[in-house]
Amino acid sequence: MYEQMDLITKEHREIQRARESLGNMPEVANRMINVLNNRTNAQLATMGIANMTETILIIKRVLTLRSLVQTLDRRTQDMQTEVSRFMDKFLILQNRGLPGLLNSAGRLLSHEHYAKTVSTFATSQITERPSTSEDTGPASGKNLFDRVESLFFIMNEIKHLFDVPPNFYKYSEADETLDAIIRHQLPTQEVWTRLIQLIL
């Protein structure tokens, strides 16, 4: 879960950076491609464009980055929805007394640490002494039954919380898209300015 939340943070940061880098380039790119598609080879040569295919490939780098950003944005929203759904379900259990997922620094506990915490919690549910003054003896009768029932309810709800295993393929897809955005090269400002001057 912590890795997913960390990935979502990275994705938001990279999406913002890529959008700032793109600015209005996608709209300009579409206009340029439209112009190129409606010119003859002779007209293109007059404009100073010797190779239309190569020119379009340079322009399409802009549209490719926009497509990657849109894809990553969708995948990030899907991941955020799943994380939020999990946290909402877990909050219900936490309100029933289950230990929290976060440590004092606000980071998620490791699986091993949390398993130990839950085991301690389960033991204390059964063995702790009642807080009411009229029943100071060991847990027994209805008091013990209520504690065990509460514990079994929480255990059952935990099973439902994890009834669908996480789809790590979805997260690896998002990670690959993020990596593609980071590695993607837009045309340099010099090249872009020259293309605008030649075509528009």
N, C-alpha and C. Protein backbone atom coordinates (compact mmCIF):
# COMPACT_ATOMS: atom_id res chain seq x y z
N MET A 1 0.83 -1.21 0.00
CA MET A 1 0.00 0.00 0.00
C MET A 1 0.87 1.26 0.00
N TYR A 2 1.94 1.24 0.83
CA TYR A 2 2.79 2.43 0.87
C TYR A 2 3.43 2.68 -0.48
N GLU A 3 3.88 1.60 -1.17
CA GLU A 3 4.49 1.75 -2.48
C GLU A 3 3.51 2.38 -3.47
N GLN A 4 2.24 1.97 -3.38
CA GLN A 4 1.23 2.51 -4.29
C GLN A 4 1.01 4.00 -4.03
N MET A 5 0.93 4.38 -2.75
CA MET A 5 0.72 5.78 -2.41
C MET A 5 1.93 6.63 -2.84
N ASP A 6 3.13 6.06 -2.68
CA ASP A 6 4.34 6.75 -3.11
C ASP A 6 4.35 6.93 -4.62
N LEU A 7 3.92 5.88 -5.35
CA LEU A 7 3.86 5.94 -6.81
C LEU A 7 2.86 7.00 -7.26
N ILE A 8 1.72 7.08 -6.60
CA ILE A 8 0.71 8.09 -6.94
C ILE A 8 1.27 9.49 -6.77
N THR A 9 2.03 9.71 -5.70
CA THR A 9 2.64 11.03 -5.48
C THR A 9 3.61 11.37 -6.60
N LYS A 10 4.44 10.40 -7.00
CA LYS A 10 5.39 10.62 -8.10
C LYS A 10 4.65 10.91 -9.40
N GLU A 11 3.56 10.17 -9.63
CA GLU A 11 2.79 10.35 -10.86
C GLU A 11 2.19 11.75 -10.94
N HIS A 12 1.60 12.21 -9.83
CA HIS A 12 1.03 13.56 -9.82
C HIS A 12 2.09 14.61 -10.14
N ARG A 13 3.27 14.43 -9.55
CA ARG A 13 4.36 15.39 -9.76
C ARG A 13 4.80 15.39 -11.22
N GLU A 14 4.94 14.21 -11.82
CA GLU A 14 5.41 14.11 -13.20
C GLU A 14 4.35 14.57 -14.20
N ILE A 15 3.10 14.30 -13.91
CA ILE A 15 2.01 14.78 -14.77
C ILE A 15 2.01 16.30 -14.81
N GLN A 16 2.17 16.93 -13.64
CA GLN A 16 2.20 18.39 -13.58
C GLN A 16 3.39 18.94 -14.36
N ARG A 17 4.56 18.32 -14.19
CA ARG A 17 5.76 18.79 -14.88
C ARG A 17 5.60 18.66 -16.40
N ALA A 18 5.05 17.53 -16.84
CA ALA A 18 4.88 17.30 -18.28
C ALA A 18 3.86 18.27 -18.88
N ARG A 19 2.79 18.54 -18.15
CA ARG A 19 1.78 19.49 -18.65
C ARG A 19 2.36 20.90 -18.77
N GLU A 20 3.20 21.26 -17.82
CA GLU A 20 3.83 22.58 -17.90
C GLU A 20 4.79 22.64 -19.09
N SER A 21 5.50 21.53 -19.35
CA SER A 21 6.42 21.49 -20.49
C SER A 21 5.66 21.57 -21.81
N LEU A 22 4.49 20.94 -21.86
CA LEU A 22 3.70 20.93 -23.10
C LEU A 22 3.07 22.29 -23.38
N GLY A 23 2.54 22.93 -22.36
CA GLY A 23 1.87 24.21 -22.58
C GLY A 23 0.81 24.08 -23.66
N ASN A 24 0.88 24.95 -24.69
CA ASN A 24 -0.10 24.89 -25.80
C ASN A 24 0.46 24.15 -27.01
N MET A 25 1.57 23.43 -26.81
CA MET A 25 2.21 22.72 -27.93
C MET A 25 1.28 21.72 -28.63
N PRO A 26 0.44 20.96 -27.91
CA PRO A 26 -0.43 20.00 -28.62
C PRO A 26 -1.38 20.67 -29.62
N GLU A 27 -1.95 21.81 -29.24
CA GLU A 27 -2.85 22.51 -30.16
C GLU A 27 -2.10 22.99 -31.40
N VAL A 28 -0.90 23.53 -31.20
CA VAL A 28 -0.06 24.00 -32.31
C VAL A 28 0.35 22.81 -33.18
N ALA A 29 0.68 21.68 -32.54
CA ALA A 29 1.09 20.47 -33.27
C ALA A 29 -0.02 20.00 -34.20
N ASN A 30 -1.25 19.98 -33.69
CA ASN A 30 -2.38 19.56 -34.54
C ASN A 30 -2.55 20.48 -35.74
N ARG A 31 -2.39 21.77 -35.53
CA ARG A 31 -2.50 22.72 -36.64
C ARG A 31 -1.41 22.49 -37.67
N MET A 32 -0.18 22.25 -37.20
CA MET A 32 0.93 22.02 -38.12
C MET A 32 0.73 20.76 -38.94
N ILE A 33 0.29 19.69 -38.30
CA ILE A 33 0.06 18.44 -39.02
C ILE A 33 -1.05 18.61 -40.05
N ASN A 34 -2.08 19.36 -39.70
CA ASN A 34 -3.17 19.62 -40.63
C ASN A 34 -2.66 20.38 -41.87
N VAL A 35 -1.79 21.35 -41.65
CA VAL A 35 -1.21 22.10 -42.77
C VAL A 35 -0.37 21.18 -43.65
N LEU A 36 0.48 20.37 -43.01
CA LEU A 36 1.36 19.46 -43.76
C LEU A 36 0.55 18.46 -44.59
N ASN A 37 -0.53 17.96 -44.03
CA ASN A 37 -1.36 16.98 -44.74
C ASN A 37 -2.11 17.56 -45.92
N ASN A 38 -2.19 18.88 -45.97
CA ASN A 38 -2.94 19.54 -47.05
C ASN A 38 -2.02 20.29 -48.02
N ARG A 39 -0.75 19.91 -48.06
CA ARG A 39 0.20 20.51 -48.99
C ARG A 39 0.82 19.45 -49.89
N THR A 40 1.10 19.86 -51.11
CA THR A 40 1.79 18.96 -52.05
C THR A 40 3.28 18.99 -51.73
N ASN A 41 4.00 18.03 -52.31
CA ASN A 41 5.45 17.99 -52.11
C ASN A 41 6.11 19.27 -52.61
N ALA A 42 5.62 19.80 -53.72
CA ALA A 42 6.18 21.05 -54.27
C ALA A 42 5.95 22.21 -53.30
N GLN A 43 4.75 22.26 -52.73
CA GLN A 43 4.44 23.33 -51.77
C GLN A 43 5.30 23.20 -50.51
N LEU A 44 5.49 21.97 -50.07
CA LEU A 44 6.32 21.74 -48.89
C LEU A 44 7.77 22.15 -49.14
N ALA A 45 8.26 21.84 -50.34
CA ALA A 45 9.63 22.23 -50.70
C ALA A 45 9.77 23.74 -50.69
N THR A 46 8.74 24.43 -51.19
CA THR A 46 8.75 25.89 -51.20
C THR A 46 8.78 26.44 -49.77
N MET A 47 8.08 25.74 -48.86
CA MET A 47 8.05 26.17 -47.45
C MET A 47 9.38 25.91 -46.75
N GLY A 48 10.23 25.07 -47.37
CA GLY A 48 11.51 24.74 -46.76
C GLY A 48 11.51 23.40 -46.05
N ILE A 49 10.50 22.57 -46.32
CA ILE A 49 10.39 21.25 -45.70
C ILE A 49 10.75 20.19 -46.73
N ALA A 50 11.92 19.57 -46.55
CA ALA A 50 12.40 18.59 -47.52
C ALA A 50 11.82 17.20 -47.29
N ASN A 51 11.51 16.88 -46.02
CA ASN A 51 11.02 15.54 -45.70
C ASN A 51 9.80 15.65 -44.79
N MET A 52 8.61 15.46 -45.36
CA MET A 52 7.39 15.62 -44.58
C MET A 52 7.29 14.57 -43.47
N THR A 53 7.64 13.31 -43.77
CA THR A 53 7.53 12.24 -42.78
C THR A 53 8.39 12.53 -41.55
N GLU A 54 9.63 12.94 -41.79
CA GLU A 54 10.52 13.26 -40.68
C GLU A 54 9.99 14.44 -39.87
N THR A 55 9.45 15.44 -40.56
CA THR A 55 8.90 16.61 -39.87
C THR A 55 7.71 16.23 -39.00
N ILE A 56 6.83 15.40 -39.55
CA ILE A 56 5.65 14.97 -38.79
C ILE A 56 6.06 14.14 -37.57
N LEU A 57 7.07 13.31 -37.73
CA LEU A 57 7.54 12.51 -36.59
C LEU A 57 8.05 13.40 -35.46
N ILE A 58 8.73 14.48 -35.81
CA ILE A 58 9.20 15.42 -34.78
C ILE A 58 8.01 16.06 -34.08
N ILE A 59 7.02 16.49 -34.87
CA ILE A 59 5.84 17.15 -34.31
C ILE A 59 5.05 16.17 -33.43
N LYS A 60 5.00 14.90 -33.85
CA LYS A 60 4.21 13.91 -33.11
C LYS A 60 4.80 13.58 -31.74
N ARG A 61 6.05 13.97 -31.50
CA ARG A 61 6.60 13.76 -30.16
C ARG A 61 5.75 14.50 -29.12
N VAL A 62 5.23 15.65 -29.53
CA VAL A 62 4.38 16.45 -28.64
C VAL A 62 3.09 15.69 -28.34
N LEU A 63 2.46 15.16 -29.39
CA LEU A 63 1.19 14.46 -29.22
C LEU A 63 1.37 13.14 -28.47
N THR A 64 2.54 12.52 -28.66
CA THR A 64 2.85 11.29 -27.93
C THR A 64 2.93 11.56 -26.43
N LEU A 65 3.62 12.65 -26.07
CA LEU A 65 3.72 12.98 -24.64
C LEU A 65 2.35 13.31 -24.06
N ARG A 66 1.53 14.04 -24.80
CA ARG A 66 0.18 14.34 -24.31
C ARG A 66 -0.60 13.06 -24.07
N SER A 67 -0.50 12.11 -25.00
CA SER A 67 -1.20 10.83 -24.86
C SER A 67 -0.71 10.06 -23.64
N LEU A 68 0.61 10.05 -23.42
CA LEU A 68 1.17 9.38 -22.24
C LEU A 68 0.67 10.01 -20.95
N VAL A 69 0.61 11.35 -20.93
CA VAL A 69 0.14 12.06 -19.74
C VAL A 69 -1.32 11.72 -19.47
N GLN A 70 -2.15 11.69 -20.51
CA GLN A 70 -3.57 11.36 -20.34
C GLN A 70 -3.73 9.93 -19.83
N THR A 71 -2.93 9.01 -20.36
CA THR A 71 -2.99 7.61 -19.92
C THR A 71 -2.58 7.49 -18.46
N LEU A 72 -1.48 8.15 -18.09
CA LEU A 72 -1.02 8.08 -16.71
C LEU A 72 -2.02 8.73 -15.77
N ASP A 73 -2.65 9.81 -16.20
CA ASP A 73 -3.65 10.47 -15.37
C ASP A 73 -4.81 9.53 -15.08
N ARG A 74 -5.28 8.81 -16.09
CA ARG A 74 -6.38 7.83 -15.89
C ARG A 74 -5.95 6.73 -14.93
N ARG A 75 -4.75 6.20 -15.14
CA ARG A 75 -4.28 5.11 -14.29
C ARG A 75 -4.06 5.59 -12.85
N THR A 76 -3.60 6.82 -12.70
CA THR A 76 -3.41 7.38 -11.36
C THR A 76 -4.75 7.52 -10.64
N GLN A 77 -5.76 7.99 -11.36
CA GLN A 77 -7.10 8.14 -10.76
C GLN A 77 -7.65 6.78 -10.34
N ASP A 78 -7.44 5.75 -11.18
CA ASP A 78 -7.90 4.40 -10.83
C ASP A 78 -7.21 3.90 -9.56
N MET A 79 -5.89 4.11 -9.49
CA MET A 79 -5.14 3.69 -8.31
C MET A 79 -5.60 4.45 -7.07
N GLN A 80 -5.82 5.76 -7.21
CA GLN A 80 -6.26 6.57 -6.08
C GLN A 80 -7.62 6.10 -5.58
N THR A 81 -8.51 5.74 -6.51
CA THR A 81 -9.84 5.24 -6.14
C THR A 81 -9.72 3.96 -5.33
N GLU A 82 -8.84 3.05 -5.77
CA GLU A 82 -8.67 1.78 -5.06
C GLU A 82 -8.06 2.00 -3.67
N VAL A 83 -7.07 2.87 -3.59
CA VAL A 83 -6.45 3.16 -2.29
C VAL A 83 -7.48 3.79 -1.35
N SER A 84 -8.27 4.73 -1.86
CA SER A 84 -9.28 5.40 -1.03
C SER A 84 -10.34 4.40 -0.57
N ARG A 85 -10.75 3.49 -1.46
CA ARG A 85 -11.75 2.48 -1.09
C ARG A 85 -11.22 1.58 0.02
N PHE A 86 -9.93 1.19 -0.12
CA PHE A 86 -9.32 0.35 0.91
C PHE A 86 -9.27 1.09 2.24
N MET A 87 -8.82 2.35 2.20
CA MET A 87 -8.69 3.12 3.44
C MET A 87 -10.05 3.36 4.10
N ASP A 88 -11.09 3.57 3.30
CA ASP A 88 -12.43 3.75 3.86
C ASP A 88 -12.89 2.49 4.59
N LYS A 89 -12.65 1.32 3.96
CA LYS A 89 -13.03 0.06 4.60
C LYS A 89 -12.22 -0.15 5.88
N PHE A 90 -10.94 0.17 5.79
CA PHE A 90 -10.09 -0.05 6.95
C PHE A 90 -10.48 0.87 8.10
N LEU A 91 -10.91 2.09 7.77
CA LEU A 91 -11.30 3.04 8.81
C LEU A 91 -12.47 2.48 9.63
N ILE A 92 -13.38 1.77 8.97
CA ILE A 92 -14.50 1.15 9.67
C ILE A 92 -13.98 0.16 10.72
N LEU A 93 -12.99 -0.64 10.30
CA LEU A 93 -12.41 -1.61 11.23
C LEU A 93 -11.63 -0.91 12.34
N GLN A 94 -10.96 0.16 12.00
CA GLN A 94 -10.20 0.90 13.00
C GLN A 94 -11.13 1.49 14.05
N ASN A 95 -12.31 1.92 13.60
CA ASN A 95 -13.30 2.45 14.53
C ASN A 95 -13.87 1.35 15.44
N ARG A 96 -13.74 0.10 15.00
CA ARG A 96 -14.15 -1.03 15.84
C ARG A 96 -13.05 -1.44 16.81
N GLY A 97 -11.91 -0.77 16.73
CA GLY A 97 -10.83 -1.06 17.67
C GLY A 97 -9.57 -1.64 17.06
N LEU A 98 -9.60 -1.96 15.76
CA LEU A 98 -8.41 -2.52 15.13
C LEU A 98 -7.28 -1.49 15.12
N PRO A 99 -6.05 -1.90 15.38
CA PRO A 99 -4.93 -0.94 15.39
C PRO A 99 -4.79 -0.24 14.04
N GLY A 100 -4.30 1.00 14.07
CA GLY A 100 -4.12 1.78 12.85
C GLY A 100 -2.99 1.26 11.99
N LEU A 101 -2.99 1.67 10.72
CA LEU A 101 -1.98 1.24 9.76
C LEU A 101 -0.71 2.09 9.81
N LEU A 102 -0.82 3.30 10.38
CA LEU A 102 0.29 4.24 10.32
C LEU A 102 1.09 4.26 11.63
N ASN A 103 2.38 4.54 11.48
CA ASN A 103 3.20 4.72 12.67
C ASN A 103 3.14 6.18 13.13
N SER A 104 3.92 6.52 14.14
CA SER A 104 3.85 7.88 14.70
C SER A 104 4.32 8.93 13.70
N ALA A 105 5.11 8.52 12.68
CA ALA A 105 5.59 9.47 11.67
C ALA A 105 4.62 9.60 10.50
N GLY A 106 3.49 8.86 10.56
CA GLY A 106 2.50 8.95 9.49
C GLY A 106 2.76 8.04 8.32
N ARG A 107 3.74 7.13 8.45
CA ARG A 107 4.03 6.18 7.37
C ARG A 107 3.38 4.84 7.67
N LEU A 108 3.06 4.10 6.59
CA LEU A 108 2.44 2.80 6.77
C LEU A 108 3.41 1.83 7.45
N LEU A 109 2.88 1.02 8.36
CA LEU A 109 3.69 0.01 9.01
C LEU A 109 4.03 -1.09 8.01
N SER A 110 5.15 -1.76 8.24
CA SER A 110 5.49 -2.91 7.40
C SER A 110 4.51 -4.04 7.70
N HIS A 111 4.40 -4.99 6.77
CA HIS A 111 3.48 -6.11 6.96
C HIS A 111 3.81 -6.87 8.23
N GLU A 112 5.11 -7.13 8.46
CA GLU A 112 5.53 -7.89 9.64
C GLU A 112 5.17 -7.16 10.94
N HIS A 113 5.44 -5.85 10.94
CA HIS A 113 5.16 -5.05 12.13
C HIS A 113 3.66 -5.01 12.40
N TYR A 114 2.88 -4.84 11.34
CA TYR A 114 1.43 -4.74 11.54
C TYR A 114 0.85 -6.09 11.99
N ALA A 115 1.36 -7.20 11.43
CA ALA A 115 0.89 -8.53 11.84
C ALA A 115 1.13 -8.75 13.32
N LYS A 116 2.30 -8.30 13.80
CA LYS A 116 2.62 -8.43 15.23
C LYS A 116 1.68 -7.56 16.07
N THR A 117 1.39 -6.35 15.58
CA THR A 117 0.50 -5.44 16.30
C THR A 117 -0.90 -6.02 16.41
N VAL A 118 -1.40 -6.61 15.31
CA VAL A 118 -2.74 -7.20 15.31
C VAL A 118 -2.78 -8.42 16.23
N SER A 119 -1.71 -9.21 16.25
CA SER A 119 -1.65 -10.38 17.13
C SER A 119 -1.72 -9.95 18.60
N THR A 120 -1.00 -8.88 18.93
CA THR A 120 -1.04 -8.35 20.29
C THR A 120 -2.44 -7.84 20.62
N PHE A 121 -3.05 -7.19 19.67
CA PHE A 121 -4.41 -6.67 19.85
C PHE A 121 -5.40 -7.81 20.12
N ALA A 122 -5.29 -8.89 19.32
CA ALA A 122 -6.21 -10.03 19.48
C ALA A 122 -6.05 -10.66 20.86
N THR A 123 -4.81 -10.81 21.29
CA THR A 123 -4.56 -11.39 22.61
C THR A 123 -5.15 -10.53 23.72
N SER A 124 -4.95 -9.22 23.60
CA SER A 124 -5.46 -8.32 24.64
C SER A 124 -6.98 -8.27 24.66
N GLN A 125 -7.62 -8.48 23.49
CA GLN A 125 -9.08 -8.49 23.43
C GLN A 125 -9.66 -9.59 24.32
N ILE A 126 -8.96 -10.71 24.36
CA ILE A 126 -9.45 -11.86 25.12
C ILE A 126 -9.04 -11.78 26.59
N THR A 127 -7.83 -11.33 26.84
CA THR A 127 -7.29 -11.44 28.20
C THR A 127 -7.40 -10.19 29.05
N GLU A 128 -7.69 -9.02 28.45
CA GLU A 128 -7.69 -7.80 29.26
C GLU A 128 -8.83 -7.80 30.28
N ARG A 129 -8.59 -7.15 31.37
CA ARG A 129 -9.58 -7.10 32.43
C ARG A 129 -10.64 -6.06 32.09
N PRO A 130 -11.87 -6.27 32.50
CA PRO A 130 -12.93 -5.31 32.20
C PRO A 130 -12.69 -3.98 32.91
N SER A 131 -13.20 -2.93 32.32
CA SER A 131 -12.99 -1.59 32.89
C SER A 131 -14.07 -1.19 33.88
N THR A 132 -15.17 -1.94 33.93
CA THR A 132 -16.26 -1.57 34.85
C THR A 132 -15.93 -2.02 36.27
N SER A 133 -16.37 -1.24 37.24
CA SER A 133 -16.03 -1.52 38.63
C SER A 133 -16.79 -2.72 39.18
N GLU A 134 -17.98 -3.01 38.60
CA GLU A 134 -18.77 -4.11 39.16
C GLU A 134 -18.26 -5.48 38.76
N ASP A 135 -17.41 -5.52 37.72
CA ASP A 135 -16.89 -6.82 37.29
C ASP A 135 -15.37 -6.74 37.25
N THR A 136 -14.74 -7.06 38.37
CA THR A 136 -13.29 -6.92 38.47
C THR A 136 -12.56 -8.24 38.32
N GLY A 137 -13.28 -9.31 38.14
CA GLY A 137 -12.65 -10.62 37.97
C GLY A 137 -12.17 -10.81 36.55
N PRO A 138 -11.66 -12.01 36.23
CA PRO A 138 -11.19 -12.28 34.88
C PRO A 138 -12.36 -12.26 33.89
N ALA A 139 -12.04 -12.06 32.61
CA ALA A 139 -13.08 -12.01 31.58
C ALA A 139 -13.83 -13.34 31.52
N SER A 140 -15.13 -13.29 31.62
CA SER A 140 -15.91 -14.51 31.58
C SER A 140 -17.34 -14.19 31.15
N GLY A 141 -18.11 -15.26 30.86
CA GLY A 141 -19.52 -15.09 30.53
C GLY A 141 -19.75 -14.16 29.36
N LYS A 142 -20.76 -13.26 29.51
CA LYS A 142 -21.14 -12.36 28.43
C LYS A 142 -20.00 -11.42 28.05
N ASN A 143 -19.22 -10.98 29.03
CA ASN A 143 -18.10 -10.08 28.77
C ASN A 143 -17.12 -10.74 27.79
N LEU A 144 -16.75 -11.99 28.07
CA LEU A 144 -15.82 -12.71 27.20
C LEU A 144 -16.45 -12.96 25.84
N PHE A 145 -17.74 -13.34 25.84
CA PHE A 145 -18.44 -13.59 24.59
C PHE A 145 -18.43 -12.35 23.70
N ASP A 146 -18.70 -11.18 24.28
CA ASP A 146 -18.73 -9.93 23.51
C ASP A 146 -17.36 -9.63 22.91
N ARG A 147 -16.31 -9.89 23.68
CA ARG A 147 -14.97 -9.62 23.17
C ARG A 147 -14.62 -10.56 22.01
N VAL A 148 -14.93 -11.85 22.17
CA VAL A 148 -14.63 -12.82 21.13
C VAL A 148 -15.46 -12.53 19.88
N GLU A 149 -16.74 -12.18 20.10
CA GLU A 149 -17.61 -11.85 18.96
C GLU A 149 -17.05 -10.65 18.19
N SER A 150 -16.61 -9.64 18.93
CA SER A 150 -16.02 -8.46 18.30
C SER A 150 -14.76 -8.83 17.51
N LEU A 151 -13.95 -9.70 18.12
CA LEU A 151 -12.72 -10.12 17.46
C LEU A 151 -13.01 -10.90 16.18
N PHE A 152 -13.99 -11.83 16.24
CA PHE A 152 -14.35 -12.60 15.05
C PHE A 152 -14.94 -11.71 13.96
N PHE A 153 -15.71 -10.68 14.38
CA PHE A 153 -16.27 -9.74 13.40
C PHE A 153 -15.13 -9.04 12.66
N ILE A 154 -14.14 -8.58 13.41
CA ILE A 154 -13.02 -7.88 12.80
C ILE A 154 -12.24 -8.81 11.88
N MET A 155 -12.01 -10.06 12.33
CA MET A 155 -11.28 -11.02 11.49
C MET A 155 -12.04 -11.30 10.20
N ASN A 156 -13.36 -11.41 10.31
CA ASN A 156 -14.18 -11.65 9.12
C ASN A 156 -14.14 -10.46 8.17
N GLU A 157 -14.20 -9.25 8.74
CA GLU A 157 -14.15 -8.05 7.91
C GLU A 157 -12.79 -7.89 7.23
N ILE A 158 -11.72 -8.29 7.92
CA ILE A 158 -10.39 -8.23 7.32
C ILE A 158 -10.33 -9.14 6.10
N LYS A 159 -10.95 -10.34 6.21
CA LYS A 159 -10.97 -11.25 5.06
C LYS A 159 -11.69 -10.62 3.88
N HIS A 160 -12.81 -9.93 4.17
CA HIS A 160 -13.54 -9.26 3.09
C HIS A 160 -12.74 -8.11 2.50
N LEU A 161 -11.95 -7.46 3.35
CA LEU A 161 -11.13 -6.34 2.89
C LEU A 161 -10.10 -6.80 1.87
N PHE A 162 -9.61 -8.02 2.05
CA PHE A 162 -8.59 -8.56 1.15
C PHE A 162 -9.14 -9.67 0.26
N ASP A 163 -10.47 -9.66 0.02
CA ASP A 163 -11.06 -10.74 -0.78
C ASP A 163 -10.61 -10.70 -2.23
N VAL A 164 -10.23 -9.52 -2.73
CA VAL A 164 -9.71 -9.41 -4.09
C VAL A 164 -8.23 -9.06 -3.99
N PRO A 165 -7.35 -9.95 -4.50
CA PRO A 165 -5.92 -9.66 -4.40
C PRO A 165 -5.56 -8.43 -5.22
N PRO A 166 -4.53 -7.68 -4.80
CA PRO A 166 -4.14 -6.47 -5.53
C PRO A 166 -3.69 -6.81 -6.94
N ASN A 167 -4.03 -5.93 -7.88
CA ASN A 167 -3.67 -6.12 -9.28
C ASN A 167 -2.35 -5.40 -9.54
N PHE A 168 -1.25 -6.13 -9.33
CA PHE A 168 0.05 -5.49 -9.47
C PHE A 168 0.38 -5.17 -10.93
N TYR A 169 -0.29 -5.87 -11.86
CA TYR A 169 -0.09 -5.56 -13.28
C TYR A 169 -0.51 -4.12 -13.56
N LYS A 170 -1.59 -3.71 -12.93
CA LYS A 170 -2.09 -2.34 -13.11
C LYS A 170 -1.06 -1.32 -12.62
N TYR A 171 -0.41 -1.64 -11.49
CA TYR A 171 0.58 -0.72 -10.94
C TYR A 171 1.85 -0.71 -11.78
N SER A 172 2.23 -1.88 -12.32
CA SER A 172 3.42 -1.93 -13.16
C SER A 172 3.17 -1.17 -14.47
N GLU A 173 1.94 -1.23 -14.98
CA GLU A 173 1.60 -0.45 -16.17
C GLU A 173 1.76 1.04 -15.91
N ALA A 174 1.27 1.49 -14.76
CA ALA A 174 1.38 2.91 -14.41
C ALA A 174 2.85 3.29 -14.26
N ASP A 175 3.65 2.42 -13.65
CA ASP A 175 5.07 2.68 -13.46
C ASP A 175 5.78 2.78 -14.80
N GLU A 176 5.43 1.90 -15.74
CA GLU A 176 6.04 1.93 -17.07
C GLU A 176 5.66 3.21 -17.81
N THR A 177 4.41 3.65 -17.68
CA THR A 177 3.97 4.89 -18.32
C THR A 177 4.71 6.08 -17.73
N LEU A 178 4.86 6.08 -16.40
CA LEU A 178 5.61 7.14 -15.73
C LEU A 178 7.04 7.20 -16.26
N ASP A 179 7.67 6.04 -16.40
CA ASP A 179 9.04 5.98 -16.89
C ASP A 179 9.13 6.48 -18.33
N ALA A 180 8.11 6.14 -19.15
CA ALA A 180 8.09 6.60 -20.54
C ALA A 180 8.00 8.12 -20.62
N ILE A 181 7.21 8.71 -19.73
CA ILE A 181 7.08 10.18 -19.70
C ILE A 181 8.40 10.82 -19.31
N ILE A 182 9.06 10.26 -18.30
CA ILE A 182 10.33 10.83 -17.84
C ILE A 182 11.39 10.78 -18.95
N ARG A 183 11.40 9.67 -19.72
CA ARG A 183 12.41 9.51 -20.76
C ARG A 183 12.06 10.22 -22.06
N HIS A 184 10.81 10.62 -22.23
CA HIS A 184 10.36 11.20 -23.49
C HIS A 184 11.03 12.54 -23.78
N GLN A 185 11.44 12.71 -25.04
CA GLN A 185 12.12 13.94 -25.45
C GLN A 185 11.21 14.77 -26.36
N LEU A 186 10.84 15.95 -25.89
CA LEU A 186 10.12 16.89 -26.74
C LEU A 186 11.11 17.56 -27.71
N PRO A 187 10.61 18.10 -28.82
CA PRO A 187 11.51 18.90 -29.68
C PRO A 187 12.09 20.05 -28.86
N THR A 188 13.33 20.42 -29.13
CA THR A 188 13.93 21.55 -28.43
C THR A 188 13.17 22.82 -28.79
N GLN A 189 13.31 23.84 -27.96
CA GLN A 189 12.64 25.10 -28.22
C GLN A 189 13.07 25.69 -29.56
N GLU A 190 14.34 25.52 -29.89
CA GLU A 190 14.86 26.03 -31.16
C GLU A 190 14.19 25.33 -32.34
N VAL A 191 14.12 24.00 -32.27
CA VAL A 191 13.48 23.23 -33.35
C VAL A 191 12.01 23.57 -33.45
N TRP A 192 11.34 23.69 -32.30
CA TRP A 192 9.91 23.98 -32.29
C TRP A 192 9.60 25.35 -32.90
N THR A 193 10.40 26.33 -32.52
CA THR A 193 10.21 27.69 -33.05
C THR A 193 10.41 27.70 -34.56
N ARG A 194 11.42 26.97 -35.03
CA ARG A 194 11.70 26.90 -36.47
C ARG A 194 10.54 26.25 -37.22
N LEU A 195 9.98 25.18 -36.65
CA LEU A 195 8.84 24.50 -37.30
C LEU A 195 7.63 25.44 -37.40
N ILE A 196 7.39 26.18 -36.34
CA ILE A 196 6.26 27.14 -36.36
C ILE A 196 6.47 28.17 -37.45
N GLN A 197 7.69 28.65 -37.57
CA GLN A 197 7.98 29.66 -38.59
C GLN A 197 7.83 29.10 -40.00
N LEU A 198 8.23 27.86 -40.20
CA LEU A 198 8.15 27.23 -41.53
C LEU A 198 6.72 26.89 -41.93
N ILE A 199 5.95 26.38 -40.96
CA ILE A 199 4.63 25.80 -41.29
C ILE A 199 3.48 26.77 -41.07
N LEU A 200 3.54 27.53 -39.99
CA LEU A 200 2.41 28.40 -39.67
C LEU A 200 2.71 29.85 -40.01
